[in-house]
Protein backbone atom coordinates (compact mmCIF):
# COMPACT_ATOMS: atom_id res chain seq x y z
CA MET A 1 0.00 0.00 0.00
CA LEU A 2 1.17 3.52 -0.75
CA GLU A 3 2.44 5.27 2.39
CA LEU A 4 0.86 8.66 2.96
CA SER A 5 1.89 11.41 5.35
CA ILE A 6 -0.39 12.50 8.18
CA LEU A 7 -1.16 15.71 6.27
CA GLN A 8 -2.13 13.73 3.16
CA LEU A 9 -4.39 11.48 5.23
CA VAL A 10 -6.06 14.47 6.90
CA ASP A 11 -6.52 16.12 3.50
CA ALA A 12 -8.07 12.94 2.12
CA LEU A 13 -10.45 12.75 5.10
CA SER A 14 -11.63 16.29 4.34
CA ARG A 15 -12.86 15.36 0.87
CA GLN A 16 -16.57 15.19 0.25
CA GLY A 17 -18.23 11.99 -0.94
CA LEU A 18 -15.97 9.45 0.75
CA SER A 19 -17.57 6.05 1.13
CA ALA A 20 -17.69 4.47 4.58
CA ALA A 21 -15.05 1.94 3.46
CA GLU A 22 -12.72 4.68 2.18
CA ARG A 23 -13.12 6.68 5.38
CA GLN A 24 -12.41 3.56 7.48
CA GLN A 25 -9.25 2.85 5.44
CA LEU A 26 -7.98 6.36 6.07
CA PHE A 27 -8.68 6.08 9.80
CA GLU A 28 -6.95 2.68 9.84
CA ALA A 29 -3.88 4.24 8.19
CA LEU A 30 -3.78 6.90 10.90
CA GLY A 31 -4.08 4.18 13.54
CA ARG A 32 -1.18 2.23 12.02
CA ASP A 33 0.98 5.35 12.27
CA GLY A 34 0.24 5.42 16.01
CA GLY A 35 2.19 8.62 16.57
CA HIS A 36 1.08 11.56 18.65
CA GLU A 37 -0.05 13.62 15.67
CA ALA A 38 -2.05 10.76 14.14
CA THR A 39 -3.63 9.98 17.52
CA SER A 40 -4.56 13.65 17.94
CA VAL A 41 -6.27 13.65 14.53
CA LEU A 42 -8.25 10.53 15.45
CA ILE A 43 -9.26 11.99 18.81
CA ARG A 44 -10.49 15.20 17.14
CA ARG A 45 -12.47 13.12 14.62
CA ALA A 46 -13.97 11.07 17.46
CA VAL A 47 -15.65 14.15 18.93
CA ALA A 48 -16.37 16.25 15.84
CA GLY A 49 -18.00 15.60 12.51
CA ASP A 50 -20.74 13.27 11.46
CA ALA A 51 -21.65 10.11 13.37
CA ALA A 52 -20.08 7.78 10.78
CA SER A 53 -16.72 9.55 11.16
CA ARG A 54 -16.96 9.41 14.95
CA VAL A 55 -17.73 5.68 14.83
CA ALA A 56 -14.81 4.99 12.48
CA ALA A 57 -12.40 6.99 14.65
CA ILE A 58 -13.59 5.27 17.85
CA LYS A 59 -13.09 1.83 16.31
CA VAL A 60 -9.47 2.65 15.49
CA LEU A 61 -8.80 4.42 18.80
CA GLY A 62 -10.13 1.38 20.62
CA ARG A 63 -7.27 -0.72 19.23
CA MET A 64 -4.58 1.78 20.16
CA ARG A 65 -2.65 1.65 23.42
CA HIS A 66 -2.14 5.41 23.64
CA PRO A 67 -3.64 6.76 26.92
CA GLY A 68 -5.34 9.62 25.09
CA ALA A 69 -6.98 7.12 22.75
CA ARG A 70 -8.48 5.17 25.64
CA ASP A 71 -9.72 8.39 27.24
CA ALA A 72 -11.41 9.43 23.99
CA VAL A 73 -13.13 6.05 23.71
CA ARG A 74 -14.42 6.36 27.29
CA GLU A 75 -15.68 9.89 26.55
CA ALA A 76 -17.54 8.55 23.51
CA LEU A 77 -19.76 6.55 25.86
CA SER A 78 -21.55 9.90 26.43
CA ASP A 79 -21.95 10.74 22.74
CA PRO A 80 -25.49 11.79 21.78
CA GLU A 81 -25.49 9.29 18.89
CA GLY A 82 -26.27 5.69 19.82
CA ALA A 83 -24.00 4.19 17.14
CA VAL A 84 -21.02 6.06 18.60
CA ARG A 85 -21.83 4.87 22.14
CA ILE A 86 -22.11 1.29 20.87
CA ALA A 87 -18.74 1.54 19.06
CA ALA A 88 -17.15 2.87 22.26
CA ALA A 89 -18.66 0.11 24.39
CA GLU A 90 -17.48 -2.54 21.94
CA ALA A 91 -13.98 -1.05 21.86
CA LEU A 92 -13.79 -1.00 25.65
CA SER A 93 -15.10 -4.57 25.90
CA ARG A 94 -12.26 -5.74 23.64
CA GLU A 95 -9.81 -3.93 25.90
CA ALA A 96 -11.04 -5.60 29.09
CA PRO A 97 -9.20 -8.95 28.79
CA ARG A 98 -5.84 -7.18 28.50
CA ARG A 99 -6.23 -5.57 31.90
CA GLN A 100 -4.80 -7.01 35.06
CA PRO A 101 -7.35 -8.69 37.34
CA ILE A 102 -8.28 -6.76 40.46
CA PRO A 103 -6.76 -8.39 43.56
CA ASP A 104 -9.44 -9.94 45.78
CA ASP A 105 -8.65 -7.69 48.75
CA ARG A 106 -9.18 -4.53 46.65
CA LEU A 107 -12.41 -5.92 45.22
CA ARG A 108 -13.64 -6.95 48.66
CA ALA A 109 -12.84 -3.47 50.07
CA ASN A 110 -14.78 -1.79 47.27
CA VAL A 111 -17.79 -4.11 47.62
CA ILE A 112 -17.91 -3.60 51.37
CA ALA A 113 -17.57 0.18 51.09
CA PHE A 114 -20.11 0.55 48.25
CA PRO A 115 -23.59 1.47 49.52
CA GLY A 116 -26.45 -0.78 48.50
CA ALA A 117 -29.90 0.26 47.34
CA ASP A 118 -30.91 0.94 50.93
CA GLY A 119 -28.00 3.38 51.34
CA ARG A 120 -26.17 1.22 53.90
CA ARG A 121 -22.76 -0.26 53.34
CA MET A 122 -22.24 -4.03 53.48
CA SER A 123 -20.27 -3.56 56.71
CA GLU A 124 -23.32 -1.86 58.28
CA ARG A 125 -25.72 -4.73 57.52
């Protein structure tokens, strides 16, 4: 595949009449770059533009290990468009197995401290 610069990819994304597949390919190319500038472009596209662009950007950001990418995906859970929220939830669900398990003592402490529906903590019951 022909290698394009970040500026060329951004310019291509600005063109009118891109198909969903073309747009996704351009976002994928930015994701493969993985650099700060490419990640910044994807993050901007994840919060601005039409819903299809936001979905495409979130899908790519969800596969990146950049902290800003993960933050943008989490923020997309509050997007007004349902398709964007679904893309963000799917991206985060794919991320979950890579995380370290929570040690039992931390989990137990959080469960005990968390108030139930009646407003009382487990330790108060």
